[in-house]
PDB file of N, CA and C in Angstrom:
ATOM      1  N   MET A   1      87.825  96.142 121.389  1.00  0.00           N
ATOM      2  CA  MET A   1      88.706  96.656 120.356  1.00  0.00           C
ATOM      3  C   MET A   1      88.171  97.971 119.817  1.00  0.00           C
ATOM      4  N   THR A   2      89.058  98.813 119.407  1.00  0.00           N
ATOM      5  CA  THR A   2      88.644 100.069 118.807  1.00  0.00           C
ATOM      6  C   THR A   2      88.397  99.878 117.330  1.00  0.00           C
ATOM      7  N   ALA A   3      87.679 100.810 116.729  1.00  0.00           N
ATOM      8  CA  ALA A   3      87.386 100.713 115.299  1.00  0.00           C
ATOM      9  C   ALA A   3      88.655 100.741 114.477  1.00  0.00           C
ATOM     10  N   ALA A   4      89.646 101.535 114.898  1.00  0.00           N
ATOM     11  CA  ALA A   4      90.897 101.619 114.148  1.00  0.00           C
ATOM     12  C   ALA A   4      91.615 100.278 114.155  1.00  0.00           C
ATOM     13  N   ARG A   5      91.601  99.591 115.276  1.00  0.00           N
ATOM     14  CA  ARG A   5      92.270  98.291 115.355  1.00  0.00           C
ATOM     15  C   ARG A   5      91.521  97.242 114.542  1.00  0.00           C
ATOM     16  N   ASP A   6      90.182  97.309 114.551  1.00  0.00           N
ATOM     17  CA  ASP A   6      89.384  96.350 113.790  1.00  0.00           C
ATOM     18  C   ASP A   6      89.659  96.460 112.298  1.00  0.00           C
ATOM     19  N   ASP A   7      89.974  97.663 111.824  1.00  0.00           N
ATOM     20  CA  ASP A   7      90.167  97.875 110.396  1.00  0.00           C
ATOM     21  C   ASP A   7      91.650  98.006 110.034  1.00  0.00           C
ATOM     22  N   ALA A   8      92.508  97.502 110.887  1.00  0.00           N
ATOM     23  CA  ALA A   8      93.950  97.601 110.656  1.00  0.00           C
ATOM     24  C   ALA A   8      94.361  96.771 109.444  1.00  0.00           C
ATOM     25  N   TRP A   9      95.357  97.269 108.744  1.00  0.00           N
ATOM     26  CA  TRP A   9      95.944  96.522 107.626  1.00  0.00           C
ATOM     27  C   TRP A   9      96.930  95.517 108.188  1.00  0.00           C
ATOM     28  N   MET A  10      96.994  94.346 107.565  1.00  0.00           N
ATOM     29  CA  MET A  10      97.904  93.289 108.000  1.00  0.00           C
ATOM     30  C   MET A  10      98.758  92.851 106.821  1.00  0.00           C
ATOM     31  N   THR A  11      99.988  92.465 107.125  1.00  0.00           N
ATOM     32  CA  THR A  11     100.860  91.886 106.108  1.00  0.00           C
ATOM     33  C   THR A  11     100.444  90.431 105.891  1.00  0.00           C
ATOM     34  N   ALA A  12     101.035  89.800 104.902  1.00  0.00           N
ATOM     35  CA  ALA A  12     100.736  88.387 104.632  1.00  0.00           C
ATOM     36  C   ALA A  12     101.131  87.518 105.821  1.00  0.00           C
ATOM     37  N   ASP A  13     102.280  87.788 106.416  1.00  0.00           N
ATOM     38  CA  ASP A  13     102.706  87.003 107.576  1.00  0.00           C
ATOM     39  C   ASP A  13     101.740  87.170 108.745  1.00  0.00           C
ATOM     40  N   GLU A  14     101.304  88.393 108.980  1.00  0.00           N
ATOM     41  CA  GLU A  14     100.364  88.653 110.073  1.00  0.00           C
ATOM     42  C   GLU A  14      99.018  87.987 109.809  1.00  0.00           C
ATOM     43  N   ALA A  15      98.533  88.083 108.575  1.00  0.00           N
ATOM     44  CA  ALA A  15      97.251  87.470 108.220  1.00  0.00           C
ATOM     45  C   ALA A  15      97.319  85.948 108.311  1.00  0.00           C
ATOM     46  N   ALA A  16      98.424  85.378 107.863  1.00  0.00           N
ATOM     47  CA  ALA A  16      98.582  83.920 107.943  1.00  0.00           C
ATOM     48  C   ALA A  16      98.533  83.468 109.399  1.00  0.00           C
ATOM     49  N   ALA A  17      99.243  84.160 110.271  1.00  0.00           N
ATOM     50  CA  ALA A  17      99.237  83.813 111.689  1.00  0.00           C
ATOM     51  C   ALA A  17      97.851  84.028 112.297  1.00  0.00           C
ATOM     52  N   TYR A  18      97.199  85.114 111.947  1.00  0.00           N
ATOM     53  CA  TYR A  18      95.880  85.452 112.475  1.00  0.00           C
ATOM     54  C   TYR A  18      94.848  84.392 112.107  1.00  0.00           C
ATOM     55  N   LEU A  19      94.924  83.890 110.874  1.00  0.00           N
ATOM     56  CA  LEU A  19      93.973  82.890 110.394  1.00  0.00           C
ATOM     57  C   LEU A  19      94.384  81.462 110.725  1.00  0.00           C
ATOM     58  N   GLY A  20      95.605  81.277 111.197  1.00  0.00           N
ATOM     59  CA  GLY A  20      96.066  79.941 111.559  1.00  0.00           C
ATOM     60  C   GLY A  20      96.656  79.150 110.412  1.00  0.00           C
ATOM     61  N   TYR A  21      97.029  79.817 109.338  1.00  0.00           N
ATOM     62  CA  TYR A  21      97.677  79.118 108.232  1.00  0.00           C
ATOM     63  C   TYR A  21      99.109  78.804 108.637  1.00  0.00           C
ATOM     64  N   ARG A  22      99.574  77.645 108.264  1.00  0.00           N
ATOM     65  CA  ARG A  22     100.914  77.229 108.658  1.00  0.00           C
ATOM     66  C   ARG A  22     102.002  77.930 107.864  1.00  0.00           C
ATOM     67  N   THR A  23     101.696  78.300 106.623  1.00  0.00           N
ATOM     68  CA  THR A  23     102.684  78.965 105.785  1.00  0.00           C
ATOM     69  C   THR A  23     102.044  80.120 105.033  1.00  0.00           C
ATOM     70  N   ARG A  24     102.888  81.034 104.585  1.00  0.00           N
ATOM     71  CA  ARG A  24     102.412  82.137 103.755  1.00  0.00           C
ATOM     72  C   ARG A  24     101.921  81.594 102.415  1.00  0.00           C
ATOM     73  N   ALA A  25     102.553  80.542 101.915  1.00  0.00           N
ATOM     74  CA  ALA A  25     102.137  79.936 100.640  1.00  0.00           C
ATOM     75  C   ALA A  25     100.702  79.413 100.733  1.00  0.00           C
ATOM     76  N   ALA A  26     100.320  78.847 101.859  1.00  0.00           N
ATOM     77  CA  ALA A  26      98.944  78.364 102.042  1.00  0.00           C
ATOM     78  C   ALA A  26      97.964  79.537 102.016  1.00  0.00           C
ATOM     79  N   LEU A  27      98.358  80.654 102.610  1.00  0.00           N
ATOM     80  CA  LEU A  27      97.523  81.860 102.573  1.00  0.00           C
ATOM     81  C   LEU A  27      97.368  82.349 101.141  1.00  0.00           C
ATOM     82  N   TYR A  28      98.472  82.411 100.391  1.00  0.00           N
ATOM     83  CA  TYR A  28      98.415  82.865  99.001  1.00  0.00           C
ATOM     84  C   TYR A  28      97.512  81.966  98.163  1.00  0.00           C
ATOM     85  N   GLN A  29      97.560  80.670  98.419  1.00  0.00           N
ATOM     86  CA  GLN A  29      96.699  79.743  97.690  1.00  0.00           C
ATOM     87  C   GLN A  29      95.227  80.031  98.005  1.00  0.00           C
ATOM     88  N   ALA A  30      94.917  80.321  99.254  1.00  0.00           N
ATOM     89  CA  ALA A  30      93.546  80.645  99.641  1.00  0.00           C
ATOM     90  C   ALA A  30      93.090  81.954  98.988  1.00  0.00           C
ATOM     91  N   VAL A  31      94.006  82.906  98.840  1.00  0.00           N
ATOM     92  CA  VAL A  31      93.685  84.163  98.164  1.00  0.00           C
ATOM     93  C   VAL A  31      93.379  83.889  96.698  1.00  0.00           C
ATOM     94  N   ARG A  32      94.205  83.078  96.032  1.00  0.00           N
ATOM     95  CA  ARG A  32      93.976  82.748  94.621  1.00  0.00           C
ATOM     96  C   ARG A  32      92.635  82.057  94.415  1.00  0.00           C
ATOM     97  N   ARG A  33      92.230  81.236  95.365  1.00  0.00           N
ATOM     98  CA  ARG A  33      90.956  80.517  95.256  1.00  0.00           C
ATOM     99  C   ARG A  33      89.757  81.380  95.645  1.00  0.00           C
ATOM    100  N   GLY A  34      90.018  82.594  96.105  1.00  0.00           N
ATOM    101  CA  GLY A  34      88.932  83.485  96.487  1.00  0.00           C
ATOM    102  C   GLY A  34      88.384  83.231  97.872  1.00  0.00           C
ATOM    103  N   ILE A  35      89.102  82.499  98.684  1.00  0.00           N
ATOM    104  CA  ILE A  35      88.658  82.165 100.033  1.00  0.00           C
ATOM    105  C   ILE A  35      88.975  83.285 101.015  1.00  0.00           C
ATOM    106  N   VAL A  36      90.125  83.906 100.849  1.00  0.00           N
ATOM    107  CA  VAL A  36      90.576  84.971 101.750  1.00  0.00           C
ATOM    108  C   VAL A  36      90.587  86.288 100.985  1.00  0.00           C
ATOM    109  N   PRO A  37      89.905  87.309 101.502  1.00  0.00           N
ATOM    110  CA  PRO A  37      89.900  88.616 100.830  1.00  0.00           C
ATOM    111  C   PRO A  37      91.241  89.327 101.005  1.00  0.00           C
ATOM    112  N   ALA A  38      91.760  89.884  99.913  1.00  0.00           N
ATOM    113  CA  ALA A  38      93.055  90.568  99.949  1.00  0.00           C
ATOM    114  C   ALA A  38      93.010  91.780  99.037  1.00  0.00           C
ATOM    115  N   HIS A  39      93.936  92.687  99.271  1.00  0.00           N
ATOM    116  CA  HIS A  39      94.076  93.895  98.453  1.00  0.00           C
ATOM    117  C   HIS A  39      95.506  93.926  97.923  1.00  0.00           C
ATOM    118  N   ARG A  40      95.642  94.150  96.643  1.00  0.00           N
ATOM    119  CA  ARG A  40      96.962  94.203  96.023  1.00  0.00           C
ATOM    120  C   ARG A  40      97.473  95.635  96.032  1.00  0.00           C
ATOM    121  N   LEU A  41      98.674  95.814  96.530  1.00  0.00           N
ATOM    122  CA  LEU A  41      99.362  97.103  96.507  1.00  0.00           C
ATOM    123  C   LEU A  41     100.562  96.946  95.584  1.00  0.00           C
ATOM    124  N   GLY A  42     100.471  97.489  94.405  1.00  0.00           N
ATOM    125  CA  GLY A  42     101.529  97.298  93.427  1.00  0.00           C
ATOM    126  C   GLY A  42     101.414  95.932  92.783  1.00  0.00           C
ATOM    127  N   ALA A  43     102.486  95.506  92.172  1.00  0.00           N
ATOM    128  CA  ALA A  43     102.468  94.248  91.427  1.00  0.00           C
ATOM    129  C   ALA A  43     102.557  93.013  92.323  1.00  0.00           C
ATOM    130  N   ARG A  44     103.225  93.116  93.458  1.00  0.00           N
ATOM    131  CA  ARG A  44     103.507  91.924  94.234  1.00  0.00           C
ATOM    132  C   ARG A  44     103.019  91.949  95.683  1.00  0.00           C
ATOM    133  N   ARG A  45     102.709  93.085  96.214  1.00  0.00           N
ATOM    134  CA  ARG A  45     102.424  93.201  97.640  1.00  0.00           C
ATOM    135  C   ARG A  45     100.934  93.030  97.929  1.00  0.00           C
ATOM    136  N   LEU A  46     100.606  92.137  98.842  1.00  0.00           N
ATOM    137  CA  LEU A  46      99.230  91.939  99.284  1.00  0.00           C
ATOM    138  C   LEU A  46      99.078  92.450 100.708  1.00  0.00           C
ATOM    139  N   ARG A  47      97.926  93.044 100.982  1.00  0.00           N
ATOM    140  CA  ARG A  47      97.594  93.467 102.339  1.00  0.00           C
ATOM    141  C   ARG A  47      96.185  92.989 102.644  1.00  0.00           C
ATOM    142  N   PHE A  48      95.911  92.824 103.916  1.00  0.00           N
ATOM    143  CA  PHE A  48      94.656  92.249 104.375  1.00  0.00           C
ATOM    144  C   PHE A  48      94.062  93.148 105.451  1.00  0.00           C
ATOM    145  N   ARG A  49      92.749  93.379 105.391  1.00  0.00           N
ATOM    146  CA  ARG A  49      92.063  94.158 106.421  1.00  0.00           C
ATOM    147  C   ARG A  49      91.537  93.199 107.491  1.00  0.00           C
ATOM    148  N   ARG A  50      91.871  93.489 108.728  1.00  0.00           N
ATOM    149  CA  ARG A  50      91.432  92.634 109.835  1.00  0.00           C
ATOM    150  C   ARG A  50      89.902  92.516 109.855  1.00  0.00           C
ATOM    151  N   SER A  51      89.203  93.605 109.591  1.00  0.00           N
ATOM    152  CA  SER A  51      87.733  93.582 109.627  1.00  0.00           C
ATOM    153  C   SER A  51      87.162  92.636 108.566  1.00  0.00           C
ATOM    154  N   GLU A  52      87.793  92.585 107.390  1.00  0.00           N
ATOM    155  CA  GLU A  52      87.324  91.677 106.331  1.00  0.00           C
ATOM    156  C   GLU A  52      87.617  90.222 106.682  1.00  0.00           C
ATOM    157  N   LEU A  53      88.758  89.983 107.293  1.00  0.00           N
ATOM    158  CA  LEU A  53      89.089  88.621 107.717  1.00  0.00           C
ATOM    159  C   LEU A  53      88.125  88.157 108.802  1.00  0.00           C
ATOM    160  N   ASP A  54      87.815  89.060 109.748  1.00  0.00           N
ATOM    161  CA  ASP A  54      86.862  88.728 110.808  1.00  0.00           C
ATOM    162  C   ASP A  54      85.481  88.431 110.232  1.00  0.00           C
ATOM    163  N   ALA A  55      85.058  89.220 109.241  1.00  0.00           N
ATOM    164  CA  ALA A  55      83.750  89.000 108.619  1.00  0.00           C
ATOM    165  C   ALA A  55      83.699  87.635 107.927  1.00  0.00           C
ATOM    166  N   GLU A  56      84.763  87.272 107.227  1.00  0.00           N
ATOM    167  CA  GLU A  56      84.817  85.955 106.572  1.00  0.00           C
ATOM    168  C   GLU A  56      84.815  84.839 107.605  1.00  0.00           C
ATOM    169  N   LEU A  57      85.551  85.022 108.677  1.00  0.00           N
ATOM    170  CA  LEU A  57      85.583  84.009 109.738  1.00  0.00           C
ATOM    171  C   LEU A  57      84.197  83.825 110.350  1.00  0.00           C
ATOM    172  N   ALA A  58      83.477  84.927 110.525  1.00  0.00           N
ATOM    173  CA  ALA A  58      82.144  84.854 111.112  1.00  0.00           C
ATOM    174  C   ALA A  58      81.165  84.128 110.186  1.00  0.00           C
ATOM    175  N   GLN A  59      81.291  84.365 108.886  1.00  0.00           N
ATOM    176  CA  GLN A  59      80.375  83.745 107.926  1.00  0.00           C
ATOM    177  C   GLN A  59      80.737  82.303 107.613  1.00  0.00           C
ATOM    178  N   HIS A  60      82.032  82.037 107.441  1.00  0.00           N
ATOM    179  CA  HIS A  60      82.490  80.715 107.006  1.00  0.00           C
ATOM    180  C   HIS A  60      83.704  80.279 107.827  1.00  0.00           C
ATOM    181  N   PRO A  61      83.519  79.914 109.089  1.00  0.00           N
ATOM    182  CA  PRO A  61      84.685  79.608 109.926  1.00  0.00           C
ATOM    183  C   PRO A  61      85.536  78.442 109.408  1.00  0.00           C
ATOM    184  N   SER A  62      84.922  77.413 108.877  1.00  0.00           N
ATOM    185  CA  SER A  62      85.702  76.268 108.419  1.00  0.00           C
ATOM    186  C   SER A  62      86.316  76.501 107.046  1.00  0.00           C
ATOM    187  N   ARG A  63      85.767  77.433 106.285  1.00  0.00           N
ATOM    188  CA  ARG A  63      86.263  77.706 104.936  1.00  0.00           C
ATOM    189  C   ARG A  63      87.660  78.313 104.954  1.00  0.00           C
ATOM    190  N   LEU A  64      87.998  79.023 106.015  1.00  0.00           N
ATOM    191  CA  LEU A  64      89.296  79.685 106.084  1.00  0.00           C
ATOM    192  C   LEU A  64      90.369  78.820 106.716  1.00  0.00           C
ATOM    193  N   SER A  65      90.036  77.614 107.134  1.00  0.00           N
ATOM    194  CA  SER A  65      91.048  76.780 107.787  1.00  0.00           C
ATOM    195  C   SER A  65      92.092  76.303 106.790  1.00  0.00           C
ATOM    196  N   ASP A  66      93.277  76.110 107.282  1.00  0.00           N
ATOM    197  CA  ASP A  66      94.402  75.662 106.462  1.00  0.00           C
ATOM    198  C   ASP A  66      94.196  74.198 106.101  1.00  0.00           C
ATOM    199  N   PRO A  67      94.135  73.850 104.805  1.00  0.00           N
ATOM    200  CA  PRO A  67      93.936  72.452 104.421  1.00  0.00           C
ATOM    201  C   PRO A  67      95.005  71.521 104.971  1.00  0.00           C
ATOM    202  N   ALA A  68      96.192  72.056 105.222  1.00  0.00           N
ATOM    203  CA  ALA A  68      97.277  71.220 105.746  1.00  0.00           C
ATOM    204  C   ALA A  68      97.025  70.822 107.200  1.00  0.00           C
ATOM    205  N   THR A  69      96.138  71.551 107.903  1.00  0.00           N
ATOM    206  CA  THR A  69      95.890  71.244 109.308  1.00  0.00           C
ATOM    207  C   THR A  69      94.584  70.493 109.527  1.00  0.00           C
ATOM    208  N   THR A  70      93.803  70.267 108.460  1.00  0.00           N
ATOM    209  CA  THR A  70      92.552  69.536 108.606  1.00  0.00           C
ATOM    210  C   THR A  70      92.771  68.090 108.189  1.00  0.00           C
ATOM    211  N   PHE A  71      92.051  67.219 108.845  1.00  0.00           N
ATOM    212  CA  PHE A  71      92.187  65.797 108.579  1.00  0.00           C
ATOM    213  C   PHE A  71      90.879  65.247 108.072  1.00  0.00           C
ATOM    214  N   PRO A  72      90.927  64.313 107.113  1.00  0.00           N
ATOM    215  CA  PRO A  72      89.687  63.737 106.604  1.00  0.00           C
ATOM    216  C   PRO A  72      88.937  63.024 107.726  1.00  0.00           C
ATOM    217  N   GLY A  73      87.622  63.160 107.726  1.00  0.00           N
ATOM    218  CA  GLY A  73      86.808  62.572 108.804  1.00  0.00           C
ATOM    219  C   GLY A  73      86.391  61.250 108.490  1.00  0.00           C
TER     220      GLY A  73
END
């Protein structure tokens, strides 16, 4: 991957799909809890940097998983 692609901005739908969240609402909940790094553009628009999402995935792979897709062990 090129550096430009690694640092690409993603919409909420793109970030949700990239992280494996089933819904955008699940992604928003993770943002509110401080699990997923996001940047606010204006009052309502969120954007996500691919490089920041990759860094979080590398540090805490299970922390970013969608709670709706995990099952109690």
